[in-house]
Amino acid sequence: MNPLEQKVRQAYDRIARADRPEVWIALRPVEDVVAEAASVDPDAPLAGVLVAVKDNIDVAGLPTTAAAPSFAHRPERDATAVARLRAAGALVLGKTNLDQFATGLVGTRSPHGAVRHAFAPDRISGGSSSGSAVAVALGFVDVALGTDTAGSGRVPAALHGLVGVKPTRGLVPTTGVVPACRSLDCVTVFARDLPTARRVAEEVSGPDGLDPLAREDSPLPAPPARPRIAVPAAEHLRGMADGWAEAFTRYVERVRAGGADVVEVDVAPLLEAAELLYGGAFVAERTAAVGAHIAENAHLVGTDLDPTVAGIVRAGEDVTAVEVFRDLERLDVLAARARELLAGTTALLTPTTTWHPTLAQVAADPVGANSRMGRFTNFANLLDMASLAVPAGTVDGLPFGVMLTGPAFSDRTLAALAQRWADAAVELLVVGAHLSGQPLNHELVAAGATLVGPAATAPLYRLFALDTVPPKPGMVRDPAGAGVQGEVWRLPSSGFGAFVAALPQPMTIGAVTLSDGRVVRGFLAEPAALEGAREITAAGSWLAARAAPTGGAVAASAG
């Protein structure tokens, strides 16, 4: 089995084990993807990158539904962004769930079920690109495509500790994308790290001769050595979740320490512009996109069609042309004020969103809860701005994210700034109860870790069921050993230090060689702990050993 075929099969195994059917609307047969993998040029720029695609973006051979089964159609060709990824060697696994017709920031507005948060399943994933974010966070794929009109490519990224790239409008053609608001929509990229996210964004950018709103890049200069960064005045940070304002302040201090001048600005004009997206005439563009379908299928509201989405879309039926032109004029005024306020700054730094509600909180107030999510995201596309969401630590064990926003074509500038202030990261191999879905995985998440993906050691290790209470797996290096399956997680250096300091004996952290030759940190056991321990190397992994008839007494509780 070649490495790429193995990677594909491992991805499908992970999907099966995770038991998260709400993430996907359509999944390609594994053998089809394996066959496609055989023809990938190993020198292609994205060779072997596994991709999930939001189900409002066309993938040839799979239906496009926008999470409304009655809307389903089967496209003959890929959307431009998907075609470019495939031409660059990427492999598409399937189509992901979303807030229906890309209307929402919560990830719960779908007849396929609410997409639960990857690590806290009682909470929302964020939307509308909910399935795409969770597919990356759980390590099913390397990257995912989403869309962003009000913040859908950024909010779910922030809630999962991911990078969310929302390009300048028109840089990525929307050919083959079901429109939400045609003039504002952007194809976005989710990834676990910034370099990967930007590499994919660059690959899918550029006019295609089909999208009339696509445009050539006109990149702004690289950021200065001492950039001037705008942040909201304190009054605009009120009402966020407990601990979030403090987390934002810590990131601002990191920016200062990194050599930037930080200035407070009154972002009221931007926030007023944000309110126009749903509270003004712009909602009529959603009606123009899918309103006819909802009107013709009104009898399906409550089953096939989400009631909240239907209500939002049909509200545009009463908007007049006069109201549209009035709001366009108001937006022009607000845009001019925003440019004046941000003049002389390199970027605006804000929290990405304001809170992380539970599924129950959203169910109790679906419109109000959603509105809180978009305070700092709604204005970007209306004002023709580029935006980038990046991880910024954790609050109460769950990811917290910030966002850099700048004028059109500042995409690379924002990425350079984010990279400048990124916390150093450590990659850690786990093989036991810190695996996804296992009892101690929450300790990794609390330390700010994000899942890189499945991995295996080089054939140089042995695995034992340690004689401890509770039982623990222990791994040791031995040239006569075999490969051990696990996961690689990426932790910020600060979180890694605290995580290691809390490890109980006999666990240690050492250098572990992976099957691809990389060397990462990993869980190992002190040799003295192996006395009398039962060897389980032949099982190949801790989970397989637990599932074996003779391994039932072994419970995952460490490493």
Protein backbone atom coordinates (compact mmCIF):
# COMPACT_ATOMS: atom_id res chain seq x y z
CA MET A 1 0.00 0.00 0.00
CA ASN A 2 1.52 3.32 -1.05
CA PRO A 3 1.62 6.17 1.52
CA LEU A 4 -1.16 8.18 -0.12
CA GLU A 5 -3.51 5.20 -0.31
CA GLN A 6 -2.74 4.50 3.34
CA LYS A 7 -3.49 8.11 4.23
CA VAL A 8 -6.87 7.93 2.47
CA ARG A 9 -7.85 4.67 4.16
CA GLN A 10 -6.79 6.02 7.56
CA ALA A 11 -8.97 9.09 6.99
CA TYR A 12 -12.01 6.91 6.25
CA ASP A 13 -11.24 4.74 9.28
CA ARG A 14 -11.13 7.86 11.43
CA ILE A 15 -14.48 9.03 10.03
CA ALA A 16 -16.04 5.65 10.81
CA ARG A 17 -14.66 5.55 14.35
CA ALA A 18 -15.71 9.12 15.16
CA ASP A 19 -19.41 8.40 14.55
CA ARG A 20 -20.18 12.00 13.59
CA PRO A 21 -22.63 11.50 10.70
CA GLU A 22 -23.94 15.08 10.95
CA VAL A 23 -20.61 16.38 9.60
CA TRP A 24 -21.20 14.97 6.11
CA ILE A 25 -24.00 15.26 3.58
CA ALA A 26 -22.25 13.13 0.94
CA LEU A 27 -19.10 11.06 1.26
CA ARG A 28 -17.34 9.55 -1.75
CA PRO A 29 -16.70 5.79 -1.71
CA VAL A 30 -13.25 5.12 -0.30
CA GLU A 31 -12.25 2.99 -3.30
CA ASP A 32 -13.00 5.88 -5.66
CA VAL A 33 -10.68 8.18 -3.71
CA VAL A 34 -8.00 5.48 -3.46
CA ALA A 35 -8.15 5.00 -7.25
CA GLU A 36 -7.85 8.74 -7.76
CA ALA A 37 -4.89 8.84 -5.37
CA ALA A 38 -2.98 6.44 -7.60
CA SER A 39 -2.87 9.04 -10.37
CA VAL A 40 -1.76 12.01 -8.26
CA ASP A 41 1.49 13.56 -9.42
CA PRO A 42 3.74 13.48 -6.34
CA ASP A 43 5.31 16.75 -7.45
CA ALA A 44 1.96 18.59 -7.65
CA PRO A 45 1.76 21.57 -5.28
CA LEU A 46 -1.02 20.02 -3.16
CA ALA A 47 -0.22 16.36 -3.79
CA GLY A 48 -2.15 14.15 -1.38
CA VAL A 49 -3.87 16.95 0.53
CA LEU A 50 -7.26 15.66 1.71
CA VAL A 51 -10.16 18.09 1.28
CA ALA A 52 -13.75 18.46 2.45
CA VAL A 53 -16.08 20.77 0.53
CA LYS A 54 -19.08 22.65 1.91
CA ASP A 55 -22.24 21.42 0.22
CA ASN A 56 -23.06 24.69 -1.46
CA ILE A 57 -19.95 24.27 -3.66
CA ASP A 58 -20.14 21.95 -6.66
CA VAL A 59 -18.19 18.69 -6.77
CA ALA A 60 -18.72 16.72 -9.97
CA GLY A 61 -20.31 13.35 -9.24
CA LEU A 62 -21.91 14.45 -5.96
CA PRO A 63 -25.21 16.28 -5.51
CA THR A 64 -25.17 19.90 -4.40
CA THR A 65 -27.98 20.50 -1.89
CA ALA A 66 -26.99 23.53 0.22
CA ALA A 67 -28.44 21.36 3.05
CA ALA A 68 -31.91 21.38 1.43
CA PRO A 69 -32.67 17.96 -0.13
CA SER A 70 -35.44 19.49 -2.26
CA PHE A 71 -32.86 21.82 -3.83
CA ALA A 72 -30.52 18.99 -4.87
CA HIS A 73 -28.95 18.98 -8.31
CA ARG A 74 -26.03 17.00 -9.67
CA PRO A 75 -23.43 19.27 -11.32
CA GLU A 76 -21.56 18.09 -14.37
CA ARG A 77 -18.34 19.87 -13.39
CA ASP A 78 -16.49 21.02 -10.32
CA ALA A 79 -16.72 24.54 -8.99
CA THR A 80 -13.65 26.52 -10.05
CA ALA A 81 -12.10 26.35 -6.57
CA VAL A 82 -12.58 22.57 -6.40
CA ALA A 83 -11.23 22.03 -9.92
CA ARG A 84 -8.11 24.02 -9.05
CA LEU A 85 -7.52 21.98 -5.90
CA ARG A 86 -7.86 18.72 -7.81
CA ALA A 87 -5.54 19.95 -10.55
CA ALA A 88 -2.99 20.70 -7.84
CA GLY A 89 -3.12 17.11 -6.54
CA ALA A 90 -5.68 17.41 -3.74
CA LEU A 91 -8.22 14.66 -3.08
CA VAL A 92 -11.84 15.48 -2.25
CA LEU A 93 -13.45 13.14 0.28
CA GLY A 94 -16.96 14.55 0.30
CA LYS A 95 -19.48 17.31 0.94
CA THR A 96 -20.07 18.77 4.40
CA ASN A 97 -23.13 19.94 6.30
CA LEU A 98 -23.97 23.62 6.71
CA ASP A 99 -26.54 26.08 7.91
CA GLN A 100 -29.09 25.71 5.12
CA PHE A 101 -28.45 27.97 2.12
CA ALA A 102 -25.41 29.28 4.05
CA THR A 103 -27.73 31.35 6.23
CA GLY A 104 -26.47 31.35 9.81
CA LEU A 105 -23.41 31.42 12.06
CA VAL A 106 -24.42 28.58 14.38
CA GLY A 107 -24.28 25.27 12.46
CA THR A 108 -27.67 24.08 13.71
CA ARG A 109 -29.97 25.05 10.81
CA SER A 110 -29.93 21.85 8.79
CA PRO A 111 -32.35 18.95 8.26
CA HIS A 112 -29.28 16.71 8.54
CA GLY A 113 -28.95 17.71 12.19
CA ALA A 114 -26.97 20.26 14.15
CA VAL A 115 -23.24 19.92 13.66
CA ARG A 116 -21.85 19.53 17.16
CA HIS A 117 -18.58 21.09 18.23
CA ALA A 118 -15.63 18.79 17.61
CA PHE A 119 -14.51 18.62 21.24
CA ALA A 120 -17.51 19.88 23.24
CA PRO A 121 -20.55 18.19 21.68
CA ASP A 122 -23.03 20.07 23.86
CA ARG A 123 -21.95 23.30 22.11
CA ILE A 124 -22.40 24.59 18.59
CA SER A 125 -19.74 24.21 15.95
CA GLY A 126 -20.40 27.63 14.46
CA GLY A 127 -21.72 28.09 10.95
CA SER A 128 -22.63 28.20 8.28
CA SER A 129 -19.49 26.26 7.26
CA SER A 130 -20.00 23.98 10.24
CA GLY A 131 -19.20 20.58 8.75
CA SER A 132 -16.11 21.88 6.99
CA ALA A 133 -14.61 23.23 10.22
CA VAL A 134 -15.37 20.08 12.22
CA ALA A 135 -13.96 17.85 9.46
CA VAL A 136 -10.63 19.67 9.78
CA ALA A 137 -10.71 19.87 13.58
CA LEU A 138 -11.30 16.11 13.93
CA GLY A 139 -8.52 15.31 11.48
CA PHE A 140 -10.73 13.78 8.80
CA VAL A 141 -9.13 16.07 6.21
CA ASP A 142 -6.18 18.43 5.95
CA VAL A 143 -8.15 21.42 4.67
CA ALA A 144 -11.73 22.31 3.83
CA LEU A 145 -13.52 24.80 1.64
CA GLY A 146 -16.29 26.91 3.09
CA THR A 147 -18.05 30.10 2.14
CA ASP A 148 -18.34 33.40 3.97
CA THR A 149 -20.95 36.13 3.59
CA ALA A 150 -21.39 37.20 7.22
CA GLY A 151 -18.52 35.33 8.90
CA SER A 152 -19.11 31.69 8.05
CA GLY A 153 -15.49 31.08 7.11
CA ARG A 154 -14.21 32.64 10.33
CA VAL A 155 -16.57 31.96 13.25
CA PRO A 156 -16.33 28.12 13.10
CA ALA A 157 -12.56 28.43 12.69
CA ALA A 158 -12.32 30.48 15.89
CA LEU A 159 -14.45 28.03 17.85
CA HIS A 160 -12.17 25.13 16.85
CA GLY A 161 -8.70 26.66 17.09
CA LEU A 162 -8.32 26.70 13.31
CA VAL A 163 -7.16 29.21 10.74
CA GLY A 164 -9.97 30.66 8.60
CA VAL A 165 -9.00 32.58 5.46
CA LYS A 166 -11.67 34.95 4.12
CA PRO A 167 -10.12 36.40 0.97
CA THR A 168 -10.84 39.74 -0.58
CA ARG A 169 -14.13 39.50 -2.47
CA GLY A 170 -13.60 38.16 -5.97
CA LEU A 171 -10.10 36.77 -5.49
CA VAL A 172 -11.52 33.24 -5.52
CA PRO A 173 -14.18 32.84 -8.22
CA THR A 174 -17.59 31.73 -6.97
CA THR A 175 -18.34 29.82 -10.17
CA GLY A 176 -20.19 26.66 -9.09
CA VAL A 177 -21.21 28.09 -5.70
CA VAL A 178 -24.87 28.35 -4.65
CA PRO A 179 -25.20 32.06 -3.84
CA ALA A 180 -26.25 33.38 -0.47
CA CYS A 181 -25.68 37.04 -1.33
CA ARG A 182 -24.05 36.93 -4.76
CA SER A 183 -22.29 40.29 -4.52
CA LEU A 184 -20.78 39.50 -1.09
CA ASP A 185 -19.99 35.77 -1.09
CA CYS A 186 -16.43 34.49 -0.70
CA VAL A 187 -14.99 30.97 -0.94
CA THR A 188 -12.92 30.38 2.19
CA VAL A 189 -10.28 27.97 3.48
CA PHE A 190 -10.02 26.14 6.81
CA ALA A 191 -6.74 24.57 7.93
CA ARG A 192 -4.94 23.74 11.14
CA ASP A 193 -2.03 26.04 10.40
CA LEU A 194 -1.53 29.32 8.59
CA PRO A 195 1.02 28.25 5.95
CA THR A 196 -1.26 25.46 4.74
CA ALA A 197 -4.30 27.72 4.69
CA ARG A 198 -2.50 30.39 2.68
CA ARG A 199 -1.01 27.84 0.27
CA VAL A 200 -4.48 26.56 -0.56
CA ALA A 201 -5.92 30.07 -0.81
CA GLU A 202 -3.24 31.05 -3.30
CA GLU A 203 -3.89 27.92 -5.35
CA VAL A 204 -7.61 28.66 -5.81
CA SER A 205 -7.27 32.41 -6.47
CA GLY A 206 -7.46 34.25 -9.78
CA PRO A 207 -10.17 35.01 -12.36
CA ASP A 208 -11.59 32.06 -14.29
CA GLY A 209 -13.27 33.92 -17.15
CA LEU A 210 -16.68 32.77 -15.89
CA ASP A 211 -17.40 34.67 -12.68
CA PRO A 212 -18.14 38.29 -13.62
CA LEU A 213 -17.25 39.44 -10.09
CA ALA A 214 -13.83 37.77 -10.03
CA ARG A 215 -10.82 40.08 -10.07
CA GLU A 216 -7.06 40.03 -10.26
CA ASP A 217 -5.05 40.32 -7.08
CA SER A 218 -3.46 43.67 -6.37
CA PRO A 219 -1.47 42.91 -3.23
CA LEU A 220 -0.62 45.65 -0.78
CA PRO A 221 2.96 46.16 0.44
CA ALA A 222 4.34 43.90 3.16
CA PRO A 223 3.66 45.17 6.68
CA PRO A 224 6.22 47.58 8.11
CA ALA A 225 8.64 46.53 10.81
CA ARG A 226 6.54 48.45 13.32
CA PRO A 227 2.92 48.18 12.15
CA ARG A 228 0.13 50.27 13.63
CA ILE A 229 -2.71 47.99 14.70
CA ALA A 230 -6.19 49.25 15.49
CA VAL A 231 -8.27 47.60 18.21
CA PRO A 232 -11.85 48.35 19.29
CA ALA A 233 -12.46 50.75 22.14
CA ALA A 234 -13.35 49.01 25.40
CA GLU A 235 -17.06 49.81 25.04
CA HIS A 236 -17.26 47.62 21.93
CA LEU A 237 -15.81 44.62 23.77
CA ARG A 238 -18.60 44.54 26.34
CA GLY A 239 -21.03 41.64 26.40
CA MET A 240 -18.57 38.94 25.39
CA ALA A 241 -18.42 35.56 27.09
CA ASP A 242 -16.72 35.38 30.48
CA GLY A 243 -12.95 35.48 30.09
CA TRP A 244 -12.97 36.43 26.42
CA ALA A 245 -12.15 40.12 26.88
CA GLU A 246 -9.21 39.10 29.05
CA ALA A 247 -8.05 36.59 26.42
CA PHE A 248 -8.23 39.31 23.79
CA THR A 249 -6.21 41.65 26.00
CA ARG A 250 -3.52 38.99 26.34
CA TYR A 251 -3.28 38.68 22.57
CA VAL A 252 -3.09 42.47 22.20
CA GLU A 253 -0.15 42.44 24.64
CA ARG A 254 1.52 39.79 22.48
CA VAL A 255 1.10 42.09 19.49
CA ARG A 256 2.66 44.98 21.42
CA ALA A 257 5.52 42.78 22.57
CA GLY A 258 6.02 41.78 18.95
CA GLY A 259 6.84 45.35 17.98
CA ALA A 260 3.48 46.83 16.94
CA ASP A 261 1.92 50.11 17.98
CA VAL A 262 -1.62 49.47 19.18
CA VAL A 263 -4.25 52.22 18.97
CA GLU A 264 -7.87 52.17 20.11
CA VAL A 265 -10.43 53.26 17.53
CA ASP A 266 -14.17 53.80 17.60
CA VAL A 267 -15.43 50.97 15.40
CA ALA A 268 -19.07 52.09 15.65
CA PRO A 269 -19.33 52.78 11.88
CA LEU A 270 -18.17 49.23 11.11
CA LEU A 271 -20.63 47.75 13.59
CA GLU A 272 -23.44 49.87 12.13
CA ALA A 273 -22.54 48.61 8.67
CA ALA A 274 -22.66 45.05 10.04
CA GLU A 275 -26.28 45.55 11.08
CA LEU A 276 -27.26 46.30 7.48
CA LEU A 277 -26.50 42.74 6.41
CA TYR A 278 -29.57 41.26 8.08
CA GLY A 279 -31.34 44.33 9.46
CA GLY A 280 -31.57 46.20 6.17
CA ALA A 281 -32.36 45.76 2.52
CA PHE A 282 -29.38 43.51 1.77
CA VAL A 283 -31.42 40.50 2.89
CA ALA A 284 -33.26 40.85 -0.44
CA GLU A 285 -30.19 39.45 -2.19
CA ARG A 286 -30.73 36.20 -0.30
CA THR A 287 -34.31 36.24 -1.54
CA ALA A 288 -33.05 36.72 -5.09
CA ALA A 289 -30.77 33.69 -4.66
CA VAL A 290 -33.11 31.04 -3.22
CA GLY A 291 -36.36 32.78 -2.34
CA ALA A 292 -38.25 31.28 -5.28
CA HIS A 293 -37.33 27.75 -4.21
CA ILE A 294 -38.48 28.38 -0.65
CA ALA A 295 -41.74 30.00 -1.81
CA GLU A 296 -42.51 27.13 -4.19
CA ASN A 297 -41.82 24.58 -1.45
CA ALA A 298 -43.44 26.35 1.48
CA HIS A 299 -45.15 23.10 2.44
CA LEU A 300 -41.70 21.67 3.28
CA VAL A 301 -40.87 24.31 5.89
CA GLY A 302 -40.28 22.47 9.15
CA THR A 303 -39.08 19.28 7.43
CA ASP A 304 -36.86 19.75 4.37
CA LEU A 305 -36.59 23.53 4.82
CA ASP A 306 -35.38 25.10 8.05
CA PRO A 307 -38.02 27.50 9.47
CA THR A 308 -35.50 30.10 10.66
CA VAL A 309 -33.73 30.16 7.32
CA ALA A 310 -37.01 30.31 5.42
CA GLY A 311 -38.14 33.25 7.51
CA ILE A 312 -34.90 35.17 6.93
CA VAL A 313 -34.89 34.56 3.18
CA ARG A 314 -38.57 35.36 2.64
CA ALA A 315 -38.26 38.60 4.62
CA GLY A 316 -36.59 40.08 1.55
CA GLU A 317 -39.81 39.76 -0.44
CA ASP A 318 -41.07 42.97 1.15
CA VAL A 319 -37.92 45.02 0.48
CA THR A 320 -38.41 47.80 -2.08
CA ALA A 321 -35.92 49.14 -4.59
CA VAL A 322 -36.01 52.47 -2.77
CA GLU A 323 -34.88 50.76 0.44
CA VAL A 324 -32.04 49.04 -1.40
CA PHE A 325 -30.69 52.30 -2.77
CA ARG A 326 -31.06 54.01 0.60
CA ASP A 327 -29.04 51.28 2.29
CA LEU A 328 -26.41 51.39 -0.45
CA GLU A 329 -26.05 55.11 0.14
CA ARG A 330 -25.83 54.57 3.90
CA LEU A 331 -23.18 51.89 3.36
CA ASP A 332 -21.12 54.29 1.25
CA VAL A 333 -21.18 56.84 4.07
CA LEU A 334 -20.19 54.24 6.67
CA ALA A 335 -17.41 52.92 4.45
CA ALA A 336 -15.96 56.43 4.12
CA ARG A 337 -16.07 56.89 7.90
CA ALA A 338 -14.42 53.50 8.43
CA ARG A 339 -11.60 54.37 6.03
CA GLU A 340 -11.06 57.63 7.89
CA LEU A 341 -10.97 55.93 11.29
CA LEU A 342 -8.55 53.23 10.12
CA ALA A 343 -6.32 55.56 8.08
CA GLY A 344 -2.67 55.07 8.98
CA THR A 345 -3.22 51.61 10.50
CA THR A 346 -2.05 48.37 8.97
CA ALA A 347 -4.95 46.21 10.17
CA LEU A 348 -7.84 46.03 12.60
CA LEU A 349 -7.54 43.39 15.34
CA THR A 350 -10.73 42.10 16.99
CA PRO A 351 -12.04 38.96 18.64
CA THR A 352 -13.48 36.75 15.91
CA THR A 353 -16.81 36.29 17.69
CA THR A 354 -18.31 37.13 21.06
CA TRP A 355 -19.32 33.83 22.67
CA HIS A 356 -19.62 30.07 22.25
CA PRO A 357 -23.20 29.04 23.07
CA THR A 358 -24.55 25.60 23.78
CA LEU A 359 -26.95 23.87 21.44
CA ALA A 360 -29.68 24.48 24.01
CA GLN A 361 -29.00 28.22 24.11
CA VAL A 362 -29.30 28.47 20.34
CA ALA A 363 -32.47 26.38 20.31
CA ALA A 364 -34.01 28.73 22.88
CA ASP A 365 -33.23 31.88 20.88
CA PRO A 366 -32.14 30.95 17.34
CA VAL A 367 -32.11 34.46 15.88
CA GLY A 368 -30.77 36.34 18.89
CA ALA A 369 -28.03 33.80 19.60
CA ASN A 370 -26.94 33.90 15.97
CA SER A 371 -26.86 37.71 15.92
CA ARG A 372 -24.32 37.78 18.74
CA MET A 373 -21.95 35.61 16.71
CA GLY A 374 -21.46 38.12 13.88
CA ARG A 375 -20.65 41.39 15.67
CA PHE A 376 -17.07 41.56 14.37
CA THR A 377 -17.52 39.58 11.14
CA ASN A 378 -20.64 40.91 9.40
CA PHE A 379 -19.12 44.13 8.09
CA ALA A 380 -16.09 42.73 6.25
CA ASN A 381 -17.72 41.71 2.97
CA LEU A 382 -20.08 44.68 2.95
CA LEU A 383 -17.07 47.02 3.21
CA ASP A 384 -14.91 45.01 0.78
CA MET A 385 -12.29 43.99 3.34
CA ALA A 386 -10.04 40.96 3.65
CA SER A 387 -10.06 39.05 6.92
CA LEU A 388 -8.13 36.27 8.62
CA ALA A 389 -9.17 34.31 11.73
CA VAL A 390 -6.39 32.71 13.78
CA PRO A 391 -6.21 30.79 17.09
CA ALA A 392 -5.36 32.81 20.19
CA GLY A 393 -5.35 30.33 23.07
CA THR A 394 -8.19 28.94 25.12
CA VAL A 395 -10.76 30.07 27.66
CA ASP A 396 -12.12 27.47 30.08
CA GLY A 397 -10.59 24.72 27.98
CA LEU A 398 -12.15 25.74 24.68
CA PRO A 399 -10.51 27.58 21.77
CA PHE A 400 -10.54 31.36 21.54
CA GLY A 401 -9.73 33.16 18.30
CA VAL A 402 -8.89 36.62 17.03
CA MET A 403 -9.25 38.19 13.63
CA LEU A 404 -7.17 40.55 11.53
CA THR A 405 -9.12 42.63 9.01
CA GLY A 406 -7.77 45.02 6.42
CA PRO A 407 -8.64 46.73 3.15
CA ALA A 408 -9.20 44.83 -0.08
CA PHE A 409 -6.09 42.97 -1.28
CA SER A 410 -4.41 43.05 2.15
CA ASP A 411 -4.67 39.24 2.35
CA ARG A 412 -0.92 38.57 2.34
CA THR A 413 -0.26 41.47 4.68
CA LEU A 414 -2.69 40.01 7.23
CA ALA A 415 -1.06 36.60 6.92
CA ALA A 416 2.40 38.06 7.46
CA LEU A 417 1.21 39.84 10.60
CA ALA A 418 -0.48 36.73 11.99
CA GLN A 419 2.62 34.66 11.35
CA ARG A 420 4.76 37.27 13.10
CA TRP A 421 2.69 36.95 16.27
CA ALA A 422 1.99 33.23 16.17
CA ASP A 423 2.88 31.35 19.31
CA ALA A 424 5.65 28.80 18.81
CA ALA A 425 4.11 25.34 18.48
CA VAL A 426 5.12 21.83 19.50
CA GLU A 427 3.87 18.68 17.79
CA LEU A 428 3.05 15.82 20.16
CA LEU A 429 2.25 12.17 19.37
CA VAL A 430 -0.37 10.60 21.63
CA VAL A 431 -1.21 6.90 21.66
CA GLY A 432 -3.69 6.37 24.51
CA ALA A 433 -6.35 8.26 26.42
CA HIS A 434 -5.40 11.62 24.96
CA LEU A 435 -6.59 10.38 21.57
CA SER A 436 -9.72 11.96 20.09
CA GLY A 437 -12.81 10.77 21.92
CA GLN A 438 -10.84 9.26 24.80
CA PRO A 439 -11.15 10.26 28.47
CA LEU A 440 -8.16 12.60 28.73
CA ASN A 441 -8.46 14.30 25.36
CA HIS A 442 -9.92 17.34 27.13
CA GLU A 443 -6.51 17.96 28.74
CA LEU A 444 -4.99 18.52 25.29
CA VAL A 445 -7.81 20.82 24.25
CA ALA A 446 -7.46 22.78 27.49
CA ALA A 447 -3.76 23.25 26.72
CA GLY A 448 -4.69 24.88 23.40
CA ALA A 449 -3.91 21.87 21.22
CA THR A 450 -5.35 21.29 17.76
CA LEU A 451 -5.40 17.97 15.96
CA VAL A 452 -2.90 17.62 13.13
CA GLY A 453 -4.10 14.16 12.16
CA PRO A 454 -3.49 10.42 12.43
CA ALA A 455 0.09 9.22 12.48
CA ALA A 456 2.14 6.10 13.07
CA THR A 457 5.58 5.63 14.53
CA ALA A 458 8.46 4.16 12.62
CA PRO A 459 8.79 0.38 13.29
CA LEU A 460 10.97 1.10 16.30
CA TYR A 461 8.56 0.91 19.24
CA ARG A 462 6.82 -1.53 21.57
CA LEU A 463 3.55 -0.92 23.36
CA PHE A 464 2.59 -2.31 26.77
CA ALA A 465 -0.47 -2.33 29.00
CA LEU A 466 1.03 -0.99 32.21
CA ASP A 467 0.22 -2.53 35.57
CA THR A 468 -1.17 0.65 37.08
CA VAL A 469 -4.44 1.84 38.52
CA PRO A 470 -6.10 2.87 36.34
CA PRO A 471 -4.43 0.89 33.51
CA LYS A 472 -2.25 2.89 31.10
CA PRO A 473 -0.45 2.16 27.83
CA GLY A 474 3.29 2.63 27.82
CA MET A 475 5.48 2.94 24.71
CA VAL A 476 9.24 2.37 24.59
CA ARG A 477 11.76 2.54 21.79
CA ASP A 478 13.20 -0.80 20.63
CA PRO A 479 14.92 -1.47 17.26
CA ALA A 480 13.11 -4.82 17.18
CA GLY A 481 9.74 -3.14 17.63
CA ALA A 482 6.94 -2.24 15.24
CA GLY A 483 4.83 0.74 14.23
CA VAL A 484 2.28 2.10 16.69
CA GLN A 485 -0.77 4.06 15.57
CA GLY A 486 -1.70 7.34 17.22
CA GLU A 487 -2.41 11.01 16.58
CA VAL A 488 -0.26 14.11 16.30
CA TRP A 489 -1.52 17.22 18.08
CA ARG A 490 -0.07 20.71 17.85
CA LEU A 491 0.26 22.69 21.09
CA PRO A 492 1.40 26.26 21.71
CA SER A 493 4.68 26.25 23.57
CA SER A 494 3.08 27.78 26.67
CA GLY A 495 0.36 25.13 26.75
CA PHE A 496 2.89 22.36 26.12
CA GLY A 497 4.93 23.37 29.16
CA ALA A 498 1.93 23.29 31.45
CA PHE A 499 0.71 20.02 29.96
CA VAL A 500 4.05 18.26 30.49
CA ALA A 501 4.39 19.61 34.02
CA ALA A 502 1.13 17.90 34.97
CA LEU A 503 2.06 14.44 33.65
CA PRO A 504 2.02 11.69 36.29
CA GLN A 505 4.69 9.02 36.57
CA PRO A 506 5.64 6.74 34.86
CA MET A 507 4.83 8.78 31.75
CA THR A 508 7.53 10.88 30.10
CA ILE A 509 7.85 12.94 26.94
CA GLY A 510 10.64 12.16 24.51
CA ALA A 511 11.62 12.27 20.84
CA VAL A 512 9.56 9.85 18.70
CA THR A 513 10.30 9.01 15.06
CA LEU A 514 7.25 8.79 12.82
CA SER A 515 6.75 6.51 9.85
CA ASP A 516 7.42 9.41 7.45
CA GLY A 517 10.77 10.15 9.09
CA ARG A 518 9.70 13.21 11.06
CA VAL A 519 10.72 13.45 14.70
CA VAL A 520 8.15 14.86 17.13
CA ARG A 521 7.62 14.85 20.87
CA GLY A 522 5.67 11.84 22.11
CA PHE A 523 4.48 9.88 25.12
CA LEU A 524 6.96 7.29 26.37
CA ALA A 525 7.09 5.19 29.55
CA GLU A 526 9.90 4.83 32.04
CA PRO A 527 11.56 1.40 31.54
CA ALA A 528 10.98 0.43 35.15
CA ALA A 529 7.24 0.59 34.55
CA LEU A 530 7.41 -2.31 32.07
CA GLU A 531 8.18 -4.98 34.68
CA GLY A 532 5.30 -7.46 34.54
CA ALA A 533 3.43 -5.42 31.90
CA ARG A 534 1.59 -7.24 29.13
CA GLU A 535 2.92 -6.42 25.65
CA ILE A 536 0.26 -5.31 23.16
CA THR A 537 2.52 -4.21 20.27
CA ALA A 538 0.95 -6.75 17.92
CA ALA A 539 -2.40 -5.01 18.21
CA GLY A 540 -0.90 -1.98 16.47
CA SER A 541 -2.60 0.58 18.69
CA TRP A 542 -4.07 1.14 22.13
CA LEU A 543 -7.61 1.27 20.76
CA ALA A 544 -7.17 -2.00 18.87
CA ALA A 545 -5.78 -3.65 22.01
CA ARG A 546 -8.79 -2.52 23.99
CA ALA A 547 -11.12 -3.92 21.35
CA ALA A 548 -9.39 -7.31 21.20
CA PRO A 549 -11.03 -10.18 23.13
CA THR A 550 -8.01 -10.45 25.44
CA GLY A 551 -7.76 -6.73 25.93
CA GLY A 552 -11.11 -6.01 27.49
CA ALA A 553 -9.59 -5.32 30.88
CA VAL A 554 -7.37 -2.59 29.46
CA ALA A 555 -9.04 0.81 29.78
CA ALA A 556 -7.68 3.95 28.11
CA SER A 557 -6.56 6.35 30.80
CA ALA A 558 -3.21 7.82 29.86
CA GLY A 559 -0.93 8.93 27.12
